[in-house]
Amino acid sequence: MNMSLIELWGHMGSFARGIVFIMVIMSVWSLAVSFGKWWKLFRAQRETRKFAPEFSRFLQEEQMEGAIALSAKYKKSHVARILTGALEEIRPLLTDQHITVADINSAERAIERQMLIIVSELKRGLGILATVGATAPFVGLLGTTMGIVNAFTGMAAGGGSGGLAAVSAGIAEALITTAFGLMTAIPAVWLYNYFQTKIDFLTVEMTYTSKELIDYLIKGVGHEFGRSAFTKDFPAKVTSGSGHIDK
């Protein structure tokens, strides 16, 4: 006996329909979170590609106030936000060009605090994908288990007549919830792994860039602003777009 999905839905009990409804909610929720996460990462990388060469030009021209203002302008760029924290920390000291080791340590701590915030923001929503990927198969299996129990209960109530043919529709109805669970879980797991890898790349990018900025400040004390290798290499190191950092 061949049955379409519409016919299966018509034969489903209220419990199995409830399970399918939960699967639909979980699937839509995970896809909505994934789209929002992708859009946020896309904008961050797009702004970073615009920010990097402009920031490098300000440094080469020794316009630190302009560099700080530019960093504050690109609020979506993860790299710009990291650099803003460090530059704002030492901003009062840039007028007399007198920066001590303690000042640079303070800038490093500002970078670490800002990085914790940004990484936390980037990871927001991944818990939903992980939960959907881990629990959806079990929710579907719950529907399957209860469906099989109902099928055999109906067979017993009918005196066992009909054999397997009598319960085939019930078993098909039960197994469809497992299929829905797998269709919900597989994309969620794929998307979770994709975003986790992407965020790891961005974290490395932020860490590398912030370390380069600290080295630049150490080497650039006094009238040496603009002469660091960081100034020349900055655009190439943070605008790859794929998370890869050129060395």
C-alpha atoms as a PDB file:
ATOM      1  CA  MET A   1       0.000   0.000   0.000  1.00  0.00           C
ATOM      2  CA  ASN A   2       1.455   3.307  -1.099  1.00  0.00           C
ATOM      3  CA  MET A   3       0.573   6.350   0.951  1.00  0.00           C
ATOM      4  CA  SER A   4       1.496   9.961   0.256  1.00  0.00           C
ATOM      5  CA  LEU A   5       2.627  12.364   2.955  1.00  0.00           C
ATOM      6  CA  ILE A   6      -0.783  14.012   2.902  1.00  0.00           C
ATOM      7  CA  GLU A   7      -2.456  10.639   3.495  1.00  0.00           C
ATOM      8  CA  LEU A   8       0.010   9.866   6.283  1.00  0.00           C
ATOM      9  CA  TRP A   9      -0.786  13.228   7.866  1.00  0.00           C
ATOM     10  CA  GLY A  10      -4.466  12.382   7.686  1.00  0.00           C
ATOM     11  CA  HIS A  11      -3.913   9.061   9.466  1.00  0.00           C
ATOM     12  CA  MET A  12      -1.609  10.523  12.141  1.00  0.00           C
ATOM     13  CA  GLY A  13      -2.784  10.762  15.693  1.00  0.00           C
ATOM     14  CA  SER A  14      -2.660  13.957  17.703  1.00  0.00           C
ATOM     15  CA  PHE A  15       0.628  12.979  19.390  1.00  0.00           C
ATOM     16  CA  ALA A  16       2.441  12.331  16.084  1.00  0.00           C
ATOM     17  CA  ARG A  17       1.113  15.579  14.632  1.00  0.00           C
ATOM     18  CA  GLY A  18       2.355  17.406  17.695  1.00  0.00           C
ATOM     19  CA  ILE A  19       5.821  15.923  17.145  1.00  0.00           C
ATOM     20  CA  VAL A  20       5.850  17.032  13.499  1.00  0.00           C
ATOM     21  CA  PHE A  21       4.715  20.504  14.527  1.00  0.00           C
ATOM     22  CA  ILE A  22       7.592  20.713  17.016  1.00  0.00           C
ATOM     23  CA  MET A  23      10.008  19.613  14.270  1.00  0.00           C
ATOM     24  CA  VAL A  24       8.773  22.398  12.001  1.00  0.00           C
ATOM     25  CA  ILE A  25       9.269  24.989  14.744  1.00  0.00           C
ATOM     26  CA  MET A  26      12.790  23.723  15.483  1.00  0.00           C
ATOM     27  CA  SER A  27      13.714  23.724  11.806  1.00  0.00           C
ATOM     28  CA  VAL A  28      12.413  27.253  11.151  1.00  0.00           C
ATOM     29  CA  TRP A  29      14.101  28.512  14.333  1.00  0.00           C
ATOM     30  CA  SER A  30      17.486  27.042  13.415  1.00  0.00           C
ATOM     31  CA  LEU A  31      17.291  28.383   9.847  1.00  0.00           C
ATOM     32  CA  ALA A  32      16.337  31.862  11.087  1.00  0.00           C
ATOM     33  CA  VAL A  33      19.253  31.881  13.538  1.00  0.00           C
ATOM     34  CA  SER A  34      21.601  30.672  10.797  1.00  0.00           C
ATOM     35  CA  PHE A  35      20.561  33.393   8.369  1.00  0.00           C
ATOM     36  CA  GLY A  36      20.984  36.070  11.036  1.00  0.00           C
ATOM     37  CA  LYS A  37      24.409  34.722  11.947  1.00  0.00           C
ATOM     38  CA  TRP A  38      25.529  34.543   8.318  1.00  0.00           C
ATOM     39  CA  TRP A  39      24.388  38.108   7.660  1.00  0.00           C
ATOM     40  CA  LYS A  40      26.249  39.405  10.722  1.00  0.00           C
ATOM     41  CA  LEU A  41      29.499  37.678   9.756  1.00  0.00           C
ATOM     42  CA  PHE A  42      29.124  38.831   6.150  1.00  0.00           C
ATOM     43  CA  ARG A  43      28.750  42.465   7.216  1.00  0.00           C
ATOM     44  CA  ALA A  44      31.697  42.183   9.607  1.00  0.00           C
ATOM     45  CA  GLN A  45      34.000  40.890   6.882  1.00  0.00           C
ATOM     46  CA  ARG A  46      32.698  43.392   4.312  1.00  0.00           C
ATOM     47  CA  GLU A  47      33.362  46.350   6.633  1.00  0.00           C
ATOM     48  CA  THR A  48      36.788  44.990   7.540  1.00  0.00           C
ATOM     49  CA  ARG A  49      37.763  44.938   3.860  1.00  0.00           C
ATOM     50  CA  LYS A  50      36.834  48.619   3.641  1.00  0.00           C
ATOM     51  CA  PHE A  51      38.361  49.554   6.985  1.00  0.00           C
ATOM     52  CA  ALA A  52      41.807  47.996   6.627  1.00  0.00           C
ATOM     53  CA  PRO A  53      43.322  50.114   3.803  1.00  0.00           C
ATOM     54  CA  GLU A  54      41.882  53.363   5.195  1.00  0.00           C
ATOM     55  CA  PHE A  55      43.240  52.632   8.662  1.00  0.00           C
ATOM     56  CA  SER A  56      46.649  51.812   7.207  1.00  0.00           C
ATOM     57  CA  ARG A  57      46.683  55.120   5.311  1.00  0.00           C
ATOM     58  CA  PHE A  58      45.947  57.084   8.483  1.00  0.00           C
ATOM     59  CA  LEU A  59      48.819  55.371  10.248  1.00  0.00           C
ATOM     60  CA  GLN A  60      51.231  56.033   7.401  1.00  0.00           C
ATOM     61  CA  GLU A  61      50.268  59.710   7.495  1.00  0.00           C
ATOM     62  CA  GLU A  62      50.647  59.738  11.313  1.00  0.00           C
ATOM     63  CA  GLN A  63      47.031  60.819  11.745  1.00  0.00           C
ATOM     64  CA  MET A  64      46.225  58.888  14.893  1.00  0.00           C
ATOM     65  CA  GLU A  65      43.102  60.910  15.669  1.00  0.00           C
ATOM     66  CA  GLY A  66      41.789  60.045  12.228  1.00  0.00           C
ATOM     67  CA  ALA A  67      42.639  56.375  12.775  1.00  0.00           C
ATOM     68  CA  ILE A  68      40.735  56.344  16.053  1.00  0.00           C
ATOM     69  CA  ALA A  69      37.721  58.080  14.490  1.00  0.00           C
ATOM     70  CA  LEU A  70      37.778  55.615  11.590  1.00  0.00           C
ATOM     71  CA  SER A  71      37.834  52.634  13.968  1.00  0.00           C
ATOM     72  CA  ALA A  72      34.809  54.014  15.778  1.00  0.00           C
ATOM     73  CA  LYS A  73      32.990  54.500  12.459  1.00  0.00           C
ATOM     74  CA  TYR A  74      33.092  50.850  11.393  1.00  0.00           C
ATOM     75  CA  LYS A  75      30.992  49.419  14.205  1.00  0.00           C
ATOM     76  CA  LYS A  76      30.268  46.129  12.423  1.00  0.00           C
ATOM     77  CA  SER A  77      33.904  45.247  11.707  1.00  0.00           C
ATOM     78  CA  HIS A  78      35.310  42.881  14.312  1.00  0.00           C
ATOM     79  CA  VAL A  79      38.865  44.108  13.628  1.00  0.00           C
ATOM     80  CA  ALA A  80      37.893  47.781  13.916  1.00  0.00           C
ATOM     81  CA  ARG A  81      36.183  47.156  17.250  1.00  0.00           C
ATOM     82  CA  ILE A  82      39.263  45.421  18.601  1.00  0.00           C
ATOM     83  CA  LEU A  83      41.571  48.258  17.528  1.00  0.00           C
ATOM     84  CA  THR A  84      39.194  50.888  18.903  1.00  0.00           C
ATOM     85  CA  GLY A  85      39.514  49.448  22.395  1.00  0.00           C
ATOM     86  CA  ALA A  86      43.303  49.694  22.339  1.00  0.00           C
ATOM     87  CA  LEU A  87      43.506  53.110  20.694  1.00  0.00           C
ATOM     88  CA  GLU A  88      40.940  54.666  23.007  1.00  0.00           C
ATOM     89  CA  GLU A  89      42.958  53.398  25.964  1.00  0.00           C
ATOM     90  CA  ILE A  90      46.100  55.263  24.876  1.00  0.00           C
ATOM     91  CA  ARG A  91      44.377  58.195  23.178  1.00  0.00           C
ATOM     92  CA  PRO A  92      45.250  60.739  25.923  1.00  0.00           C
ATOM     93  CA  LEU A  93      48.921  59.781  25.613  1.00  0.00           C
ATOM     94  CA  LEU A  94      49.214  60.266  21.861  1.00  0.00           C
ATOM     95  CA  THR A  95      49.385  64.051  22.073  1.00  0.00           C
ATOM     96  CA  ASP A  96      52.810  64.089  23.697  1.00  0.00           C
ATOM     97  CA  GLN A  97      53.961  60.818  22.058  1.00  0.00           C
ATOM     98  CA  HIS A  98      54.933  59.488  25.512  1.00  0.00           C
ATOM     99  CA  ILE A  99      53.795  55.876  25.909  1.00  0.00           C
ATOM    100  CA  THR A 100      55.175  53.650  28.659  1.00  0.00           C
ATOM    101  CA  VAL A 101      55.186  49.879  29.076  1.00  0.00           C
ATOM    102  CA  ALA A 102      52.343  50.200  31.573  1.00  0.00           C
ATOM    103  CA  ASP A 103      50.301  52.080  28.981  1.00  0.00           C
ATOM    104  CA  ILE A 104      50.833  49.344  26.402  1.00  0.00           C
ATOM    105  CA  ASN A 105      49.864  46.714  28.981  1.00  0.00           C
ATOM    106  CA  SER A 106      46.695  48.686  29.614  1.00  0.00           C
ATOM    107  CA  ALA A 107      45.980  48.667  25.874  1.00  0.00           C
ATOM    108  CA  GLU A 108      46.485  44.891  25.799  1.00  0.00           C
ATOM    109  CA  ARG A 109      43.977  44.427  28.611  1.00  0.00           C
ATOM    110  CA  ALA A 110      41.500  46.624  26.750  1.00  0.00           C
ATOM    111  CA  ILE A 111      41.931  44.415  23.690  1.00  0.00           C
ATOM    112  CA  GLU A 112      41.359  41.273  25.748  1.00  0.00           C
ATOM    113  CA  ARG A 113      38.179  42.685  27.278  1.00  0.00           C
ATOM    114  CA  GLN A 114      36.849  43.758  23.894  1.00  0.00           C
ATOM    115  CA  MET A 115      37.723  40.406  22.328  1.00  0.00           C
ATOM    116  CA  LEU A 116      35.793  38.544  25.018  1.00  0.00           C
ATOM    117  CA  ILE A 117      32.729  40.647  24.232  1.00  0.00           C
ATOM    118  CA  ILE A 118      33.035  40.251  20.454  1.00  0.00           C
ATOM    119  CA  VAL A 119      33.640  36.495  20.552  1.00  0.00           C
ATOM    120  CA  SER A 120      30.647  36.107  22.859  1.00  0.00           C
ATOM    121  CA  GLU A 121      28.513  38.061  20.389  1.00  0.00           C
ATOM    122  CA  LEU A 122      29.768  35.997  17.451  1.00  0.00           C
ATOM    123  CA  LYS A 123      28.900  32.754  19.240  1.00  0.00           C
ATOM    124  CA  ARG A 124      25.430  33.910  20.229  1.00  0.00           C
ATOM    125  CA  GLY A 125      22.871  31.573  18.685  1.00  0.00           C
ATOM    126  CA  LEU A 126      25.230  28.640  18.178  1.00  0.00           C
ATOM    127  CA  GLY A 127      23.749  27.003  21.251  1.00  0.00           C
ATOM    128  CA  ILE A 128      20.377  26.891  19.487  1.00  0.00           C
ATOM    129  CA  LEU A 129      21.879  25.112  16.471  1.00  0.00           C
ATOM    130  CA  ALA A 130      23.706  22.674  18.734  1.00  0.00           C
ATOM    131  CA  THR A 131      20.542  21.944  20.720  1.00  0.00           C
ATOM    132  CA  VAL A 132      18.430  21.407  17.604  1.00  0.00           C
ATOM    133  CA  GLY A 133      21.076  19.167  16.037  1.00  0.00           C
ATOM    134  CA  ALA A 134      21.404  17.072  19.183  1.00  0.00           C
ATOM    135  CA  THR A 135      17.755  16.742  20.221  1.00  0.00           C
ATOM    136  CA  ALA A 136      15.760  16.677  16.965  1.00  0.00           C
ATOM    137  CA  PRO A 137      16.491  12.978  16.235  1.00  0.00           C
ATOM    138  CA  PHE A 138      15.386  12.028  19.750  1.00  0.00           C
ATOM    139  CA  VAL A 139      12.179  14.051  19.486  1.00  0.00           C
ATOM    140  CA  GLY A 140      11.455  12.248  16.215  1.00  0.00           C
ATOM    141  CA  LEU A 141      12.294   8.914  17.819  1.00  0.00           C
ATOM    142  CA  LEU A 142       9.833   9.666  20.608  1.00  0.00           C
ATOM    143  CA  GLY A 143       7.108  10.064  18.000  1.00  0.00           C
ATOM    144  CA  THR A 144       8.175   6.827  16.325  1.00  0.00           C
ATOM    145  CA  THR A 145       8.121   4.898  19.598  1.00  0.00           C
ATOM    146  CA  MET A 146       4.673   6.103  20.559  1.00  0.00           C
ATOM    147  CA  GLY A 147       3.416   5.477  16.995  1.00  0.00           C
ATOM    148  CA  ILE A 148       4.577   1.855  17.048  1.00  0.00           C
ATOM    149  CA  VAL A 149       3.031   1.362  20.480  1.00  0.00           C
ATOM    150  CA  ASN A 150      -0.281   2.690  19.161  1.00  0.00           C
ATOM    151  CA  ALA A 151      -0.042   0.495  16.054  1.00  0.00           C
ATOM    152  CA  PHE A 152       0.444  -2.695  18.048  1.00  0.00           C
ATOM    153  CA  THR A 153      -2.184  -1.627  20.576  1.00  0.00           C
ATOM    154  CA  GLY A 154      -4.668  -1.268  17.705  1.00  0.00           C
ATOM    155  CA  MET A 155      -3.627  -4.655  16.347  1.00  0.00           C
ATOM    156  CA  ALA A 156      -4.181  -6.259  19.744  1.00  0.00           C
ATOM    157  CA  ALA A 157      -7.566  -4.598  20.078  1.00  0.00           C
ATOM    158  CA  GLY A 158      -8.567  -6.104  16.729  1.00  0.00           C
ATOM    159  CA  GLY A 159      -7.683  -9.579  17.910  1.00  0.00           C
ATOM    160  CA  GLY A 160      -4.460  -9.759  15.896  1.00  0.00           C
ATOM    161  CA  SER A 161      -6.261 -10.264  12.611  1.00  0.00           C
ATOM    162  CA  GLY A 162      -4.579  -9.102   9.453  1.00  0.00           C
ATOM    163  CA  GLY A 163      -0.999  -9.600  10.566  1.00  0.00           C
ATOM    164  CA  LEU A 164       1.585  -7.130   9.318  1.00  0.00           C
ATOM    165  CA  ALA A 165      -0.765  -5.586   6.772  1.00  0.00           C
ATOM    166  CA  ALA A 166      -2.967  -4.385   9.602  1.00  0.00           C
ATOM    167  CA  VAL A 167      -0.165  -2.411  11.252  1.00  0.00           C
ATOM    168  CA  SER A 168       1.837  -1.297   8.196  1.00  0.00           C
ATOM    169  CA  ALA A 169       0.066   2.068   7.987  1.00  0.00           C
ATOM    170  CA  GLY A 170       0.651   2.664  11.697  1.00  0.00           C
ATOM    171  CA  ILE A 171       4.356   1.803  11.421  1.00  0.00           C
ATOM    172  CA  ALA A 172       4.755   4.101   8.388  1.00  0.00           C
ATOM    173  CA  GLU A 173       3.078   6.880  10.352  1.00  0.00           C
ATOM    174  CA  ALA A 174       5.438   6.245  13.248  1.00  0.00           C
ATOM    175  CA  LEU A 175       8.622   6.212  11.184  1.00  0.00           C
ATOM    176  CA  ILE A 176       7.818   9.497   9.437  1.00  0.00           C
ATOM    177  CA  THR A 177       8.498  11.392  12.669  1.00  0.00           C
ATOM    178  CA  THR A 178      12.040   9.973  12.778  1.00  0.00           C
ATOM    179  CA  ALA A 179      12.550  11.124   9.201  1.00  0.00           C
ATOM    180  CA  PHE A 180      11.395  14.628  10.148  1.00  0.00           C
ATOM    181  CA  GLY A 181      13.791  14.577  13.095  1.00  0.00           C
ATOM    182  CA  LEU A 182      16.744  13.691  10.882  1.00  0.00           C
ATOM    183  CA  MET A 183      15.805  16.309   8.271  1.00  0.00           C
ATOM    184  CA  THR A 184      15.761  18.912  11.043  1.00  0.00           C
ATOM    185  CA  ALA A 185      18.964  17.812  12.756  1.00  0.00           C
ATOM    186  CA  ILE A 186      21.302  17.349   9.779  1.00  0.00           C
ATOM    187  CA  PRO A 187      21.203  20.968   8.483  1.00  0.00           C
ATOM    188  CA  ALA A 188      21.508  22.277  12.056  1.00  0.00           C
ATOM    189  CA  VAL A 189      24.684  20.244  12.645  1.00  0.00           C
ATOM    190  CA  TRP A 190      26.182  21.305   9.307  1.00  0.00           C
ATOM    191  CA  LEU A 191      25.445  24.970   9.992  1.00  0.00           C
ATOM    192  CA  TYR A 192      26.790  24.751  13.543  1.00  0.00           C
ATOM    193  CA  ASN A 193      30.106  23.332  12.340  1.00  0.00           C
ATOM    194  CA  TYR A 194      30.327  25.930   9.552  1.00  0.00           C
ATOM    195  CA  PHE A 195      29.775  28.885  11.880  1.00  0.00           C
ATOM    196  CA  GLN A 196      32.058  27.459  14.551  1.00  0.00           C
ATOM    197  CA  THR A 197      34.890  27.181  12.017  1.00  0.00           C
ATOM    198  CA  LYS A 198      34.155  30.676  10.683  1.00  0.00           C
ATOM    199  CA  ILE A 199      34.230  32.198  14.147  1.00  0.00           C
ATOM    200  CA  ASP A 200      37.515  30.435  14.904  1.00  0.00           C
ATOM    201  CA  PHE A 201      39.016  32.072  11.796  1.00  0.00           C
ATOM    202  CA  LEU A 202      37.735  35.503  12.844  1.00  0.00           C
ATOM    203  CA  THR A 203      39.093  35.010  16.361  1.00  0.00           C
ATOM    204  CA  VAL A 204      42.540  34.219  14.968  1.00  0.00           C
ATOM    205  CA  GLU A 205      42.263  37.259  12.719  1.00  0.00           C
ATOM    206  CA  MET A 206      41.426  39.531  15.647  1.00  0.00           C
ATOM    207  CA  THR A 207      44.168  38.070  17.825  1.00  0.00           C
ATOM    208  CA  TYR A 208      46.816  38.396  15.123  1.00  0.00           C
ATOM    209  CA  THR A 209      45.801  41.959  14.272  1.00  0.00           C
ATOM    210  CA  SER A 210      45.726  43.094  17.892  1.00  0.00           C
ATOM    211  CA  LYS A 211      49.184  41.632  18.523  1.00  0.00           C
ATOM    212  CA  GLU A 212      50.470  43.425  15.447  1.00  0.00           C
ATOM    213  CA  LEU A 213      49.009  46.696  16.725  1.00  0.00           C
ATOM    214  CA  ILE A 214      50.712  46.274  20.096  1.00  0.00           C
ATOM    215  CA  ASP A 215      54.025  45.594  18.325  1.00  0.00           C
ATOM    216  CA  TYR A 216      53.412  48.683  16.218  1.00  0.00           C
ATOM    217  CA  LEU A 217      52.866  50.809  19.315  1.00  0.00           C
ATOM    218  CA  ILE A 218      56.033  49.459  20.934  1.00  0.00           C
ATOM    219  CA  LYS A 219      58.118  50.109  17.839  1.00  0.00           C
ATOM    220  CA  GLY A 220      56.350  53.380  17.072  1.00  0.00           C
ATOM    221  CA  VAL A 221      56.932  55.239  20.354  1.00  0.00           C
ATOM    222  CA  GLY A 222      58.053  58.795  19.822  1.00  0.00           C
ATOM    223  CA  HIS A 223      58.200  59.948  16.203  1.00  0.00           C
ATOM    224  CA  GLU A 224      58.257  56.487  14.670  1.00  0.00           C
ATOM    225  CA  PHE A 225      54.534  56.292  13.868  1.00  0.00           C
ATOM    226  CA  GLY A 226      53.939  54.929  10.407  1.00  0.00           C
ATOM    227  CA  ARG A 227      57.261  53.076  10.097  1.00  0.00           C
ATOM    228  CA  SER A 228      56.168  49.733  11.477  1.00  0.00           C
ATOM    229  CA  ALA A 229      55.752  46.698   9.233  1.00  0.00           C
ATOM    230  CA  PHE A 230      52.197  46.544  10.579  1.00  0.00           C
ATOM    231  CA  THR A 231      51.313  49.649   8.566  1.00  0.00           C
ATOM    232  CA  LYS A 232      52.413  48.118   5.283  1.00  0.00           C
ATOM    233  CA  ASP A 233      51.064  44.619   5.890  1.00  0.00           C
ATOM    234  CA  PHE A 234      47.782  45.446   7.627  1.00  0.00           C
ATOM    235  CA  PRO A 235      45.460  45.468   4.589  1.00  0.00           C
ATOM    236  CA  ALA A 236      46.689  42.121   3.272  1.00  0.00           C
ATOM    237  CA  LYS A 237      46.457  40.460   6.663  1.00  0.00           C
ATOM    238  CA  VAL A 238      42.868  41.292   7.520  1.00  0.00           C
ATOM    239  CA  THR A 239      40.993  41.519   4.225  1.00  0.00           C
ATOM    240  CA  SER A 240      41.242  37.978   2.907  1.00  0.00           C
ATOM    241  CA  GLY A 241      37.509  37.490   3.560  1.00  0.00           C
ATOM    242  CA  SER A 242      37.835  33.734   4.059  1.00  0.00           C
ATOM    243  CA  GLY A 243      39.329  33.999   7.531  1.00  0.00           C
ATOM    244  CA  HIS A 244      42.784  33.060   6.241  1.00  0.00           C
ATOM    245  CA  ILE A 245      45.598  35.397   7.293  1.00  0.00           C
ATOM    246  CA  ASP A 246      48.419  35.924   4.850  1.00  0.00           C
ATOM    247  CA  LYS A 247      51.899  35.866   6.285  1.00  0.00           C
END
